[in-house]
């Protein structure tokens, strides 16, 4: 027993500790999935997205400087981010789709996202 029955499973605990959104410059220049949220003893995600077509660093920079999301703009000085790097932009987009379908991120607009996703697939 003792071994992980899902050796390829992904756990946030195995990823880098969340960082302040203002530290976007330390994010990798790679494709990936990210969450933005508050640190209240532990990370509390409010928004998720993917870096597809741009890198995680570029996407988090956009959110830090002038996000399209009103809540992210409003709270940008208090937000933290965490991310998972993926080998392809397509995989990052897929992971975003699964997360939005599975979790209710308070700041993600499902109608807007559904239209966006339909255009990309």
PDB file of N, CA and C in Angstrom:
ATOM      1  N   UNK A   1       0.852  -1.177   0.000  1.00  0.00           N
ATOM      2  CA  UNK A   1       0.000   0.000   0.000  1.00  0.00           C
ATOM      3  C   UNK A   1       0.894   1.235   0.000  1.00  0.00           C
ATOM      4  N   UNK A   2       0.774   2.204   0.747  1.00  0.00           N
ATOM      5  CA  UNK A   2       1.676   3.326   0.874  1.00  0.00           C
ATOM      6  C   UNK A   2       1.924   4.143  -0.372  1.00  0.00           C
ATOM      7  N   UNK A   3       1.811   3.547  -1.565  1.00  0.00           N
ATOM      8  CA  UNK A   3       2.069   4.325  -2.776  1.00  0.00           C
ATOM      9  C   UNK A   3       0.804   5.062  -3.204  1.00  0.00           C
ATOM     10  N   UNK A   4       1.005   6.136  -3.924  1.00  0.00           N
ATOM     11  CA  UNK A   4      -0.105   6.956  -4.397  1.00  0.00           C
ATOM     12  C   UNK A   4      -0.865   6.189  -5.478  1.00  0.00           C
ATOM     13  N   UNK A   5      -2.165   5.908  -5.274  1.00  0.00           N
ATOM     14  CA  UNK A   5      -2.913   5.164  -6.285  1.00  0.00           C
ATOM     15  C   UNK A   5      -3.107   5.970  -7.575  1.00  0.00           C
ATOM     16  N   UNK A   6      -2.888   7.281  -7.510  1.00  0.00           N
ATOM     17  CA  UNK A   6      -3.014   8.146  -8.683  1.00  0.00           C
ATOM     18  C   UNK A   6      -1.708   8.915  -8.864  1.00  0.00           C
ATOM     19  N   UNK A   7      -0.651   8.233  -9.299  1.00  0.00           N
ATOM     20  CA  UNK A   7       0.670   8.881  -9.346  1.00  0.00           C
ATOM     21  C   UNK A   7       0.724  10.095 -10.270  1.00  0.00           C
ATOM     22  N   UNK A   8      -0.178  10.208 -11.211  1.00  0.00           N
ATOM     23  CA  UNK A   8      -0.161  11.352 -12.111  1.00  0.00           C
ATOM     24  C   UNK A   8      -1.161  12.417 -11.686  1.00  0.00           C
ATOM     25  N   UNK A   9      -1.752  12.258 -10.511  1.00  0.00           N
ATOM     26  CA  UNK A   9      -2.718  13.253 -10.061  1.00  0.00           C
ATOM     27  C   UNK A   9      -1.997  14.546  -9.693  1.00  0.00           C
ATOM     28  N   UNK A  10      -2.728  15.610  -9.737  1.00  0.00           N
ATOM     29  CA  UNK A  10      -2.169  16.924  -9.489  1.00  0.00           C
ATOM     30  C   UNK A  10      -2.732  17.445  -8.178  1.00  0.00           C
ATOM     31  N   UNK A  11      -1.853  17.927  -7.316  1.00  0.00           N
ATOM     32  CA  UNK A  11      -2.253  18.466  -6.014  1.00  0.00           C
ATOM     33  C   UNK A  11      -1.621  19.836  -5.847  1.00  0.00           C
ATOM     34  N   UNK A  12      -2.433  20.816  -5.423  1.00  0.00           N
ATOM     35  CA  UNK A  12      -1.887  22.153  -5.196  1.00  0.00           C
ATOM     36  C   UNK A  12      -0.763  22.113  -4.171  1.00  0.00           C
ATOM     37  N   UNK A  13      -0.841  21.198  -3.221  1.00  0.00           N
ATOM     38  CA  UNK A  13       0.189  21.129  -2.181  1.00  0.00           C
ATOM     39  C   UNK A  13       1.570  20.791  -2.755  1.00  0.00           C
ATOM     40  N   UNK A  14       1.606  20.220  -3.954  1.00  0.00           N
ATOM     41  CA  UNK A  14       2.880  19.880  -4.586  1.00  0.00           C
ATOM     42  C   UNK A  14       3.417  21.025  -5.448  1.00  0.00           C
ATOM     43  N   UNK A  15       2.642  22.091  -5.579  1.00  0.00           N
ATOM     44  CA  UNK A  15       3.050  23.229  -6.411  1.00  0.00           C
ATOM     45  C   UNK A  15       3.687  24.311  -5.543  1.00  0.00           C
ATOM     46  N   UNK A  16       4.228  25.319  -6.210  1.00  0.00           N
ATOM     47  CA  UNK A  16       4.845  26.440  -5.499  1.00  0.00           C
ATOM     48  C   UNK A  16       3.815  27.140  -4.610  1.00  0.00           C
ATOM     49  N   UNK A  17       4.271  27.644  -3.484  1.00  0.00           N
ATOM     50  CA  UNK A  17       3.409  28.381  -2.560  1.00  0.00           C
ATOM     51  C   UNK A  17       2.872  29.629  -3.263  1.00  0.00           C
ATOM     52  N   UNK A  18       1.620  30.022  -3.011  1.00  0.00           N
ATOM     53  CA  UNK A  18       1.082  31.234  -3.641  1.00  0.00           C
ATOM     54  C   UNK A  18       1.959  32.462  -3.391  1.00  0.00           C
ATOM     55  N   UNK A  19       1.939  33.362  -4.372  1.00  0.00           N
ATOM     56  CA  UNK A  19       2.691  34.620  -4.285  1.00  0.00           C
ATOM     57  C   UNK A  19       1.739  35.778  -4.511  1.00  0.00           C
ATOM     58  N   UNK A  20       2.155  36.956  -4.056  1.00  0.00           N
ATOM     59  CA  UNK A  20       1.358  38.163  -4.290  1.00  0.00           C
ATOM     60  C   UNK A  20       1.276  38.433  -5.788  1.00  0.00           C
ATOM     61  N   UNK A  21       0.129  38.896  -6.241  1.00  0.00           N
ATOM     62  CA  UNK A  21      -0.042  39.197  -7.657  1.00  0.00           C
ATOM     63  C   UNK A  21       0.974  40.231  -8.124  1.00  0.00           C
ATOM     64  N   UNK A  22       1.367  41.122  -7.242  1.00  0.00           N
ATOM     65  CA  UNK A  22       2.373  42.132  -7.601  1.00  0.00           C
ATOM     66  C   UNK A  22       3.730  41.503  -7.927  1.00  0.00           C
ATOM     67  N   UNK A  23       3.915  40.237  -7.585  1.00  0.00           N
ATOM     68  CA  UNK A  23       5.147  39.507  -7.888  1.00  0.00           C
ATOM     69  C   UNK A  23       5.015  38.696  -9.176  1.00  0.00           C
ATOM     70  N   UNK A  24       4.164  39.139 -10.092  1.00  0.00           N
ATOM     71  CA  UNK A  24       3.921  38.427 -11.351  1.00  0.00           C
ATOM     72  C   UNK A  24       5.208  38.154 -12.123  1.00  0.00           C
ATOM     73  N   UNK A  25       6.213  39.013 -11.951  1.00  0.00           N
ATOM     74  CA  UNK A  25       7.465  38.862 -12.706  1.00  0.00           C
ATOM     75  C   UNK A  25       8.176  37.543 -12.383  1.00  0.00           C
ATOM     76  N   UNK A  26       7.845  36.913 -11.254  1.00  0.00           N
ATOM     77  CA  UNK A  26       8.482  35.649 -10.891  1.00  0.00           C
ATOM     78  C   UNK A  26       7.766  34.438 -11.486  1.00  0.00           C
ATOM     79  N   UNK A  27       6.619  34.649 -12.119  1.00  0.00           N
ATOM     80  CA  UNK A  27       5.889  33.536 -12.745  1.00  0.00           C
ATOM     81  C   UNK A  27       6.663  33.061 -13.978  1.00  0.00           C
ATOM     82  N   UNK A  28       6.530  31.790 -14.318  1.00  0.00           N
ATOM     83  CA  UNK A  28       7.281  31.261 -15.455  1.00  0.00           C
ATOM     84  C   UNK A  28       6.747  31.733 -16.814  1.00  0.00           C
ATOM     85  N   UNK A  29       7.620  31.766 -17.783  1.00  0.00           N
ATOM     86  CA  UNK A  29       7.246  32.067 -19.165  1.00  0.00           C
ATOM     87  C   UNK A  29       6.815  30.767 -19.838  1.00  0.00           C
ATOM     88  N   UNK A  30       5.742  30.201 -19.337  1.00  0.00           N
ATOM     89  CA  UNK A  30       5.228  28.911 -19.813  1.00  0.00           C
ATOM     90  C   UNK A  30       3.711  28.963 -19.845  1.00  0.00           C
ATOM     91  N   UNK A  31       3.124  28.022 -20.541  1.00  0.00           N
ATOM     92  CA  UNK A  31       1.671  27.861 -20.545  1.00  0.00           C
ATOM     93  C   UNK A  31       1.241  27.317 -19.198  1.00  0.00           C
ATOM     94  N   UNK A  32       0.020  27.604 -18.787  1.00  0.00           N
ATOM     95  CA  UNK A  32      -0.448  27.047 -17.533  1.00  0.00           C
ATOM     96  C   UNK A  32      -1.814  27.545 -17.116  1.00  0.00           C
ATOM     97  N   UNK A  33      -2.233  27.058 -15.978  1.00  0.00           N
ATOM     98  CA  UNK A  33      -3.497  27.401 -15.345  1.00  0.00           C
ATOM     99  C   UNK A  33      -3.167  28.158 -14.067  1.00  0.00           C
ATOM    100  N   UNK A  34      -3.984  29.144 -13.702  1.00  0.00           N
ATOM    101  CA  UNK A  34      -3.720  29.906 -12.485  1.00  0.00           C
ATOM    102  C   UNK A  34      -5.020  30.214 -11.747  1.00  0.00           C
ATOM    103  N   UNK A  35      -4.875  30.489 -10.479  1.00  0.00           N
ATOM    104  CA  UNK A  35      -5.969  30.981  -9.651  1.00  0.00           C
ATOM    105  C   UNK A  35      -5.515  32.262  -8.985  1.00  0.00           C
ATOM    106  N   UNK A  36      -6.435  33.201  -8.831  1.00  0.00           N
ATOM    107  CA  UNK A  36      -6.208  34.429  -8.075  1.00  0.00           C
ATOM    108  C   UNK A  36      -7.114  34.386  -6.867  1.00  0.00           C
ATOM    109  N   UNK A  37      -6.591  34.842  -5.727  1.00  0.00           N
ATOM    110  CA  UNK A  37      -7.408  34.818  -4.525  1.00  0.00           C
ATOM    111  C   UNK A  37      -6.738  35.531  -3.376  1.00  0.00           C
ATOM    112  N   UNK A  38      -7.313  35.330  -2.209  1.00  0.00           N
ATOM    113  CA  UNK A  38      -6.824  35.964  -0.986  1.00  0.00           C
ATOM    114  C   UNK A  38      -6.127  34.931  -0.113  1.00  0.00           C
ATOM    115  N   UNK A  39      -5.177  35.402   0.676  1.00  0.00           N
ATOM    116  CA  UNK A  39      -4.535  34.545   1.679  1.00  0.00           C
ATOM    117  C   UNK A  39      -5.170  34.876   3.021  1.00  0.00           C
ATOM    118  N   UNK A  40      -5.909  33.924   3.537  1.00  0.00           N
ATOM    119  CA  UNK A  40      -6.558  34.061   4.845  1.00  0.00           C
ATOM    120  C   UNK A  40      -6.167  32.832   5.664  1.00  0.00           C
ATOM    121  N   UNK A  41      -4.897  32.734   5.984  1.00  0.00           N
ATOM    122  CA  UNK A  41      -4.388  31.523   6.620  1.00  0.00           C
ATOM    123  C   UNK A  41      -4.062  30.474   5.569  1.00  0.00           C
ATOM    124  N   UNK A  42      -4.964  30.317   4.628  1.00  0.00           N
ATOM    125  CA  UNK A  42      -4.710  29.468   3.471  1.00  0.00           C
ATOM    126  C   UNK A  42      -5.271  30.177   2.242  1.00  0.00           C
ATOM    127  N   UNK A  43      -4.908  29.712   1.081  1.00  0.00           N
ATOM    128  CA  UNK A  43      -5.317  30.353  -0.163  1.00  0.00           C
ATOM    129  C   UNK A  43      -6.811  30.158  -0.402  1.00  0.00           C
ATOM    130  N   UNK A  44      -7.512  31.243  -0.701  1.00  0.00           N
ATOM    131  CA  UNK A  44      -8.947  31.210  -0.992  1.00  0.00           C
ATOM    132  C   UNK A  44      -9.157  31.723  -2.419  1.00  0.00           C
ATOM    133  N   UNK A  45      -9.274  30.821  -3.404  1.00  0.00           N
ATOM    134  CA  UNK A  45      -9.395  31.253  -4.794  1.00  0.00           C
ATOM    135  C   UNK A  45     -10.719  31.954  -5.086  1.00  0.00           C
ATOM    136  N   UNK A  46     -10.632  33.018  -5.883  1.00  0.00           N
ATOM    137  CA  UNK A  46     -11.810  33.783  -6.281  1.00  0.00           C
ATOM    138  C   UNK A  46     -12.000  33.759  -7.801  1.00  0.00           C
ATOM    139  N   UNK A  47     -10.919  33.504  -8.528  1.00  0.00           N
ATOM    140  CA  UNK A  47     -10.933  33.597  -9.985  1.00  0.00           C
ATOM    141  C   UNK A  47      -9.924  32.614 -10.539  1.00  0.00           C
ATOM    142  N   UNK A  48     -10.238  32.039 -11.697  1.00  0.00           N
ATOM    143  CA  UNK A  48      -9.267  31.163 -12.349  1.00  0.00           C
ATOM    144  C   UNK A  48      -9.164  31.538 -13.820  1.00  0.00           C
ATOM    145  N   UNK A  49      -8.056  31.132 -14.414  1.00  0.00           N
ATOM    146  CA  UNK A  49      -7.850  31.389 -15.832  1.00  0.00           C
ATOM    147  C   UNK A  49      -6.722  30.551 -16.369  1.00  0.00           C
ATOM    148  N   UNK A  50      -6.449  30.751 -17.643  1.00  0.00           N
ATOM    149  CA  UNK A  50      -5.366  30.011 -18.257  1.00  0.00           C
ATOM    150  C   UNK A  50      -4.474  30.972 -19.012  1.00  0.00           C
ATOM    151  N   UNK A  51      -3.241  30.571 -19.112  1.00  0.00           N
ATOM    152  CA  UNK A  51      -2.292  31.294 -19.939  1.00  0.00           C
ATOM    153  C   UNK A  51      -2.167  30.462 -21.209  1.00  0.00           C
ATOM    154  N   UNK A  52      -3.007  30.784 -22.171  1.00  0.00           N
ATOM    155  CA  UNK A  52      -3.019  30.082 -23.452  1.00  0.00           C
ATOM    156  C   UNK A  52      -2.918  31.150 -24.532  1.00  0.00           C
ATOM    157  N   UNK A  53      -1.849  31.111 -25.280  1.00  0.00           N
ATOM    158  CA  UNK A  53      -1.594  32.168 -26.256  1.00  0.00           C
ATOM    159  C   UNK A  53      -0.619  33.196 -25.704  1.00  0.00           C
ATOM    160  N   UNK A  54      -0.522  33.261 -24.394  1.00  0.00           N
ATOM    161  CA  UNK A  54       0.471  34.072 -23.682  1.00  0.00           C
ATOM    162  C   UNK A  54       1.011  33.209 -22.557  1.00  0.00           C
ATOM    163  N   UNK A  55       2.086  33.630 -21.946  1.00  0.00           N
ATOM    164  CA  UNK A  55       2.655  32.852 -20.843  1.00  0.00           C
ATOM    165  C   UNK A  55       1.983  33.229 -19.522  1.00  0.00           C
ATOM    166  N   UNK A  56       2.228  32.422 -18.510  1.00  0.00           N
ATOM    167  CA  UNK A  56       1.710  32.741 -17.175  1.00  0.00           C
ATOM    168  C   UNK A  56       2.187  34.122 -16.740  1.00  0.00           C
ATOM    169  N   UNK A  57       3.466  34.412 -16.952  1.00  0.00           N
ATOM    170  CA  UNK A  57       4.007  35.717 -16.546  1.00  0.00           C
ATOM    171  C   UNK A  57       3.263  36.859 -17.241  1.00  0.00           C
ATOM    172  N   UNK A  58       3.058  36.733 -18.540  1.00  0.00           N
ATOM    173  CA  UNK A  58       2.374  37.786 -19.295  1.00  0.00           C
ATOM    174  C   UNK A  58       0.917  37.931 -18.847  1.00  0.00           C
ATOM    175  N   UNK A  59       0.243  36.824 -18.616  1.00  0.00           N
ATOM    176  CA  UNK A  59      -1.173  36.884 -18.220  1.00  0.00           C
ATOM    177  C   UNK A  59      -1.322  37.488 -16.825  1.00  0.00           C
ATOM    178  N   UNK A  60      -0.476  37.072 -15.895  1.00  0.00           N
ATOM    179  CA  UNK A  60      -0.555  37.618 -14.536  1.00  0.00           C
ATOM    180  C   UNK A  60      -0.164  39.092 -14.527  1.00  0.00           C
ATOM    181  N   UNK A  61       0.745  39.490 -15.388  1.00  0.00           N
ATOM    182  CA  UNK A  61       1.098  40.902 -15.535  1.00  0.00           C
ATOM    183  C   UNK A  61      -0.128  41.695 -15.965  1.00  0.00           C
ATOM    184  N   UNK A  62      -0.875  41.170 -16.932  1.00  0.00           N
ATOM    185  CA  UNK A  62      -2.095  41.844 -17.391  1.00  0.00           C
ATOM    186  C   UNK A  62      -3.070  42.037 -16.238  1.00  0.00           C
ATOM    187  N   UNK A  63      -3.246  40.994 -15.438  1.00  0.00           N
ATOM    188  CA  UNK A  63      -4.159  41.104 -14.289  1.00  0.00           C
ATOM    189  C   UNK A  63      -3.647  42.109 -13.269  1.00  0.00           C
ATOM    190  N   UNK A  64      -2.358  42.111 -13.029  1.00  0.00           N
ATOM    191  CA  UNK A  64      -1.783  43.008 -12.033  1.00  0.00           C
ATOM    192  C   UNK A  64      -1.899  44.477 -12.440  1.00  0.00           C
ATOM    193  N   UNK A  65      -1.658  44.756 -13.711  1.00  0.00           N
ATOM    194  CA  UNK A  65      -1.626  46.145 -14.170  1.00  0.00           C
ATOM    195  C   UNK A  65      -2.990  46.687 -14.579  1.00  0.00           C
ATOM    196  N   UNK A  66      -3.807  45.872 -15.217  1.00  0.00           N
ATOM    197  CA  UNK A  66      -5.124  46.341 -15.669  1.00  0.00           C
ATOM    198  C   UNK A  66      -5.957  45.145 -16.126  1.00  0.00           C
ATOM    199  N   UNK A  67      -6.486  44.421 -15.176  1.00  0.00           N
ATOM    200  CA  UNK A  67      -7.286  43.245 -15.489  1.00  0.00           C
ATOM    201  C   UNK A  67      -8.579  43.627 -16.193  1.00  0.00           C
ATOM    202  N   UNK A  68      -9.068  42.732 -17.035  1.00  0.00           N
ATOM    203  CA  UNK A  68     -10.378  42.908 -17.653  1.00  0.00           C
ATOM    204  C   UNK A  68     -11.492  42.662 -16.633  1.00  0.00           C
ATOM    205  N   UNK A  69     -11.164  41.989 -15.531  1.00  0.00           N
ATOM    206  CA  UNK A  69     -12.147  41.639 -14.509  1.00  0.00           C
ATOM    207  C   UNK A  69     -12.211  42.739 -13.452  1.00  0.00           C
ATOM    208  N   UNK A  70     -13.392  43.294 -13.249  1.00  0.00           N
ATOM    209  CA  UNK A  70     -13.561  44.418 -12.320  1.00  0.00           C
ATOM    210  C   UNK A  70     -13.147  44.067 -10.894  1.00  0.00           C
ATOM    211  N   UNK A  71     -13.442  42.868 -10.443  1.00  0.00           N
ATOM    212  CA  UNK A  71     -13.063  42.472  -9.081  1.00  0.00           C
ATOM    213  C   UNK A  71     -11.554  42.347  -8.933  1.00  0.00           C
ATOM    214  N   UNK A  72     -10.904  41.799  -9.950  1.00  0.00           N
ATOM    215  CA  UNK A  72      -9.446  41.686  -9.892  1.00  0.00           C
ATOM    216  C   UNK A  72      -8.833  43.082  -9.871  1.00  0.00           C
ATOM    217  N   UNK A  73      -9.360  43.996 -10.688  1.00  0.00           N
ATOM    218  CA  UNK A  73      -8.855  45.381 -10.661  1.00  0.00           C
ATOM    219  C   UNK A  73      -9.050  45.999  -9.280  1.00  0.00           C
ATOM    220  N   UNK A  74     -10.217  45.808  -8.710  1.00  0.00           N
ATOM    221  CA  UNK A  74     -10.548  46.413  -7.417  1.00  0.00           C
ATOM    222  C   UNK A  74      -9.632  45.926  -6.291  1.00  0.00           C
ATOM    223  N   UNK A  75      -9.325  44.650  -6.293  1.00  0.00           N
ATOM    224  CA  UNK A  75      -8.569  44.056  -5.183  1.00  0.00           C
ATOM    225  C   UNK A  75      -7.137  43.669  -5.554  1.00  0.00           C
ATOM    226  N   UNK A  76      -6.631  44.131  -6.691  1.00  0.00           N
ATOM    227  CA  UNK A  76      -5.334  43.647  -7.181  1.00  0.00           C
ATOM    228  C   UNK A  76      -4.203  43.785  -6.168  1.00  0.00           C
ATOM    229  N   UNK A  77      -4.229  44.815  -5.338  1.00  0.00           N
ATOM    230  CA  UNK A  77      -3.157  44.997  -4.347  1.00  0.00           C
ATOM    231  C   UNK A  77      -3.200  43.961  -3.232  1.00  0.00           C
ATOM    232  N   UNK A  78      -4.339  43.295  -3.064  1.00  0.00           N
ATOM    233  CA  UNK A  78      -4.501  42.311  -1.997  1.00  0.00           C
ATOM    234  C   UNK A  78      -4.496  40.870  -2.498  1.00  0.00           C
ATOM    235  N   UNK A  79      -4.395  40.682  -3.803  1.00  0.00           N
ATOM    236  CA  UNK A  79      -4.524  39.338  -4.363  1.00  0.00           C
ATOM    237  C   UNK A  79      -3.205  38.576  -4.408  1.00  0.00           C
ATOM    238  N   UNK A  80      -3.354  37.283  -4.362  1.00  0.00           N
ATOM    239  CA  UNK A  80      -2.262  36.339  -4.491  1.00  0.00           C
ATOM    240  C   UNK A  80      -2.561  35.439  -5.679  1.00  0.00           C
ATOM    241  N   UNK A  81      -1.553  34.772  -6.202  1.00  0.00           N
ATOM    242  CA  UNK A  81      -1.772  33.820  -7.286  1.00  0.00           C
ATOM    243  C   UNK A  81      -1.031  32.527  -7.009  1.00  0.00           C
ATOM    244  N   UNK A  82      -1.565  31.472  -7.610  1.00  0.00           N
ATOM    245  CA  UNK A  82      -0.867  30.194  -7.658  1.00  0.00           C
ATOM    246  C   UNK A  82      -1.084  29.643  -9.059  1.00  0.00           C
ATOM    247  N   UNK A  83      -0.208  28.764  -9.478  1.00  0.00           N
ATOM    248  CA  UNK A  83      -0.278  28.294 -10.854  1.00  0.00           C
ATOM    249  C   UNK A  83       0.205  26.859 -10.980  1.00  0.00           C
ATOM    250  N   UNK A  84      -0.161  26.284 -12.106  1.00  0.00           N
ATOM    251  CA  UNK A  84       0.311  24.966 -12.500  1.00  0.00           C
ATOM    252  C   UNK A  84       0.764  25.091 -13.946  1.00  0.00           C
ATOM    253  N   UNK A  85       2.011  24.760 -14.216  1.00  0.00           N
ATOM    254  CA  UNK A  85       2.563  24.809 -15.569  1.00  0.00           C
ATOM    255  C   UNK A  85       2.108  23.568 -16.335  1.00  0.00           C
ATOM    256  N   UNK A  86       1.766  23.770 -17.608  1.00  0.00           N
ATOM    257  CA  UNK A  86       1.431  22.658 -18.501  1.00  0.00           C
ATOM    258  C   UNK A  86       2.281  22.758 -19.762  1.00  0.00           C
ATOM    259  N   UNK A  87       2.462  21.635 -20.418  1.00  0.00           N
ATOM    260  CA  UNK A  87       3.324  21.590 -21.602  1.00  0.00           C
ATOM    261  C   UNK A  87       2.734  22.305 -22.815  1.00  0.00           C
ATOM    262  N   UNK A  88       1.411  22.373 -22.874  1.00  0.00           N
ATOM    263  CA  UNK A  88       0.778  22.987 -24.039  1.00  0.00           C
ATOM    264  C   UNK A  88      -0.288  23.986 -23.614  1.00  0.00           C
ATOM    265  N   UNK A  89      -0.533  24.943 -24.494  1.00  0.00           N
ATOM    266  CA  UNK A  89      -1.605  25.905 -24.256  1.00  0.00           C
ATOM    267  C   UNK A  89      -2.965  25.203 -24.279  1.00  0.00           C
ATOM    268  N   UNK A  90      -3.090  24.171 -25.135  1.00  0.00           N
ATOM    269  CA  UNK A  90      -4.360  23.443 -25.219  1.00  0.00           C
ATOM    270  C   UNK A  90      -4.688  22.749 -23.900  1.00  0.00           C
ATOM    271  N   UNK A  91      -3.691  22.182 -23.257  1.00  0.00           N
ATOM    272  CA  UNK A  91      -3.915  21.526 -21.974  1.00  0.00           C
ATOM    273  C   UNK A  91      -4.300  22.549 -20.908  1.00  0.00           C
ATOM    274  N   UNK A  92      -3.669  23.707 -20.919  1.00  0.00           N
ATOM    275  CA  UNK A  92      -4.028  24.774 -19.974  1.00  0.00           C
ATOM    276  C   UNK A  92      -5.483  25.189 -20.167  1.00  0.00           C
ATOM    277  N   UNK A  93      -5.926  25.317 -21.415  1.00  0.00           N
ATOM    278  CA  UNK A  93      -7.313  25.684 -21.706  1.00  0.00           C
ATOM    279  C   UNK A  93      -8.269  24.595 -21.239  1.00  0.00           C
ATOM    280  N   UNK A  94      -7.886  23.333 -21.415  1.00  0.00           N
ATOM    281  CA  UNK A  94      -8.725  22.226 -20.966  1.00  0.00           C
ATOM    282  C   UNK A  94      -8.867  22.228 -19.444  1.00  0.00           C
ATOM    283  N   UNK A  95      -7.760  22.416 -18.751  1.00  0.00           N
ATOM    284  CA  UNK A  95      -7.798  22.437 -17.277  1.00  0.00           C
ATOM    285  C   UNK A  95      -8.669  23.590 -16.787  1.00  0.00           C
ATOM    286  N   UNK A  96      -8.575  24.740 -17.443  1.00  0.00           N
ATOM    287  CA  UNK A  96      -9.440  25.861 -17.080  1.00  0.00           C
ATOM    288  C   UNK A  96     -10.909  25.480 -17.255  1.00  0.00           C
ATOM    289  N   UNK A  97     -11.235  24.850 -18.370  1.00  0.00           N
ATOM    290  CA  UNK A  97     -12.620  24.459 -18.644  1.00  0.00           C
ATOM    291  C   UNK A  97     -13.152  23.516 -17.565  1.00  0.00           C
ATOM    292  N   UNK A  98     -12.339  22.538 -17.194  1.00  0.00           N
ATOM    293  CA  UNK A  98     -12.749  21.577 -16.165  1.00  0.00           C
ATOM    294  C   UNK A  98     -12.957  22.284 -14.825  1.00  0.00           C
ATOM    295  N   UNK A  99     -12.044  23.176 -14.464  1.00  0.00           N
ATOM    296  CA  UNK A  99     -12.168  23.881 -13.186  1.00  0.00           C
ATOM    297  C   UNK A  99     -13.398  24.784 -13.142  1.00  0.00           C
ATOM    298  N   UNK A 100     -13.653  25.503 -14.211  1.00  0.00           N
ATOM    299  CA  UNK A 100     -14.822  26.375 -14.219  1.00  0.00           C
ATOM    300  C   UNK A 100     -16.100  25.549 -14.149  1.00  0.00           C
ATOM    301  N   UNK A 101     -16.107  24.395 -14.818  1.00  0.00           N
ATOM    302  CA  UNK A 101     -17.281  23.526 -14.767  1.00  0.00           C
ATOM    303  C   UNK A 101     -17.451  22.885 -13.392  1.00  0.00           C
ATOM    304  N   UNK A 102     -16.340  22.566 -12.731  1.00  0.00           N
ATOM    305  CA  UNK A 102     -16.404  21.822 -11.472  1.00  0.00           C
ATOM    306  C   UNK A 102     -16.519  22.700 -10.232  1.00  0.00           C
ATOM    307  N   UNK A 103     -15.955  23.901 -10.286  1.00  0.00           N
ATOM    308  CA  UNK A 103     -15.917  24.772  -9.115  1.00  0.00           C
ATOM    309  C   UNK A 103     -16.629  26.077  -9.425  1.00  0.00           C
ATOM    310  N   UNK A 104     -17.145  26.694  -8.428  1.00  0.00           N
ATOM    311  CA  UNK A 104     -17.804  27.978  -8.622  1.00  0.00           C
ATOM    312  C   UNK A 104     -16.882  29.081  -8.137  1.00  0.00           C
ATOM    313  N   UNK A 105     -16.139  29.643  -9.076  1.00  0.00           N
ATOM    314  CA  UNK A 105     -15.270  30.768  -8.749  1.00  0.00           C
ATOM    315  C   UNK A 105     -16.138  32.022  -8.743  1.00  0.00           C
ATOM    316  N   UNK A 106     -16.147  32.713  -7.634  1.00  0.00           N
ATOM    317  CA  UNK A 106     -17.048  33.843  -7.450  1.00  0.00           C
ATOM    318  C   UNK A 106     -16.881  34.928  -8.516  1.00  0.00           C
ATOM    319  N   UNK A 107     -15.658  35.131  -9.002  1.00  0.00           N
ATOM    320  CA  UNK A 107     -15.399  36.232  -9.931  1.00  0.00           C
ATOM    321  C   UNK A 107     -15.389  35.831 -11.401  1.00  0.00           C
ATOM    322  N   UNK A 108     -15.528  34.564 -11.704  1.00  0.00           N
ATOM    323  CA  UNK A 108     -15.602  34.154 -13.106  1.00  0.00           C
ATOM    324  C   UNK A 108     -17.039  34.298 -13.591  1.00  0.00           C
ATOM    325  N   UNK A 109     -17.198  34.904 -14.742  1.00  0.00           N
ATOM    326  CA  UNK A 109     -18.504  35.060 -15.346  1.00  0.00           C
ATOM    327  C   UNK A 109     -18.729  33.877 -16.271  1.00  0.00           C
ATOM    328  N   UNK A 110     -19.575  32.941 -15.856  1.00  0.00           N
ATOM    329  CA  UNK A 110     -19.778  31.708 -16.626  1.00  0.00           C
ATOM    330  C   UNK A 110     -20.322  31.964 -18.029  1.00  0.00           C
ATOM    331  N   UNK A 111     -21.248  32.902 -18.194  1.00  0.00           N
ATOM    332  CA  UNK A 111     -21.812  33.159 -19.518  1.00  0.00           C
ATOM    333  C   UNK A 111     -20.745  33.679 -20.472  1.00  0.00           C
ATOM    334  N   UNK A 112     -19.956  34.620 -20.011  1.00  0.00           N
ATOM    335  CA  UNK A 112     -18.880  35.164 -20.834  1.00  0.00           C
ATOM    336  C   UNK A 112     -17.875  34.074 -21.171  1.00  0.00           C
ATOM    337  N   UNK A 113     -17.532  33.253 -20.183  1.00  0.00           N
ATOM    338  CA  UNK A 113     -16.572  32.192 -20.405  1.00  0.00           C
ATOM    339  C   UNK A 113     -17.101  31.162 -21.396  1.00  0.00           C
ATOM    340  N   UNK A 114     -18.370  30.785 -21.281  1.00  0.00           N
ATOM    341  CA  UNK A 114     -18.949  29.780 -22.173  1.00  0.00           C
ATOM    342  C   UNK A 114     -18.860  30.238 -23.622  1.00  0.00           C
ATOM    343  N   UNK A 115     -19.136  31.490 -23.879  1.00  0.00           N
ATOM    344  CA  UNK A 115     -19.041  32.021 -25.240  1.00  0.00           C
ATOM    345  C   UNK A 115     -17.592  31.973 -25.721  1.00  0.00           C
ATOM    346  N   UNK A 116     -16.670  32.369 -24.858  1.00  0.00           N
ATOM    347  CA  UNK A 116     -15.254  32.391 -25.203  1.00  0.00           C
ATOM    348  C   UNK A 116     -14.760  30.976 -25.513  1.00  0.00           C
ATOM    349  N   UNK A 117     -15.120  30.024 -24.656  1.00  0.00           N
ATOM    350  CA  UNK A 117     -14.684  28.642 -24.834  1.00  0.00           C
ATOM    351  C   UNK A 117     -15.253  28.059 -26.119  1.00  0.00           C
ATOM    352  N   UNK A 118     -16.512  28.340 -26.423  1.00  0.00           N
ATOM    353  CA  UNK A 118     -17.136  27.812 -27.628  1.00  0.00           C
ATOM    354  C   UNK A 118     -16.418  28.312 -28.876  1.00  0.00           C
ATOM    355  N   UNK A 119     -15.938  29.541 -28.856  1.00  0.00           N
ATOM    356  CA  UNK A 119     -15.235  30.095 -30.010  1.00  0.00           C
ATOM    357  C   UNK A 119     -13.865  29.464 -30.198  1.00  0.00           C
ATOM    358  N   UNK A 120     -13.247  28.992 -29.121  1.00  0.00           N
ATOM    359  CA  UNK A 120     -11.892  28.444 -29.205  1.00  0.00           C
ATOM    360  C   UNK A 120     -11.884  26.972 -29.600  1.00  0.00           C
ATOM    361  N   UNK A 121     -12.986  26.256 -29.383  1.00  0.00           N
ATOM    362  CA  UNK A 121     -12.982  24.816 -29.642  1.00  0.00           C
ATOM    363  C   UNK A 121     -13.584  24.468 -30.981  1.00  0.00           C
TER     364      UNK A 121
END
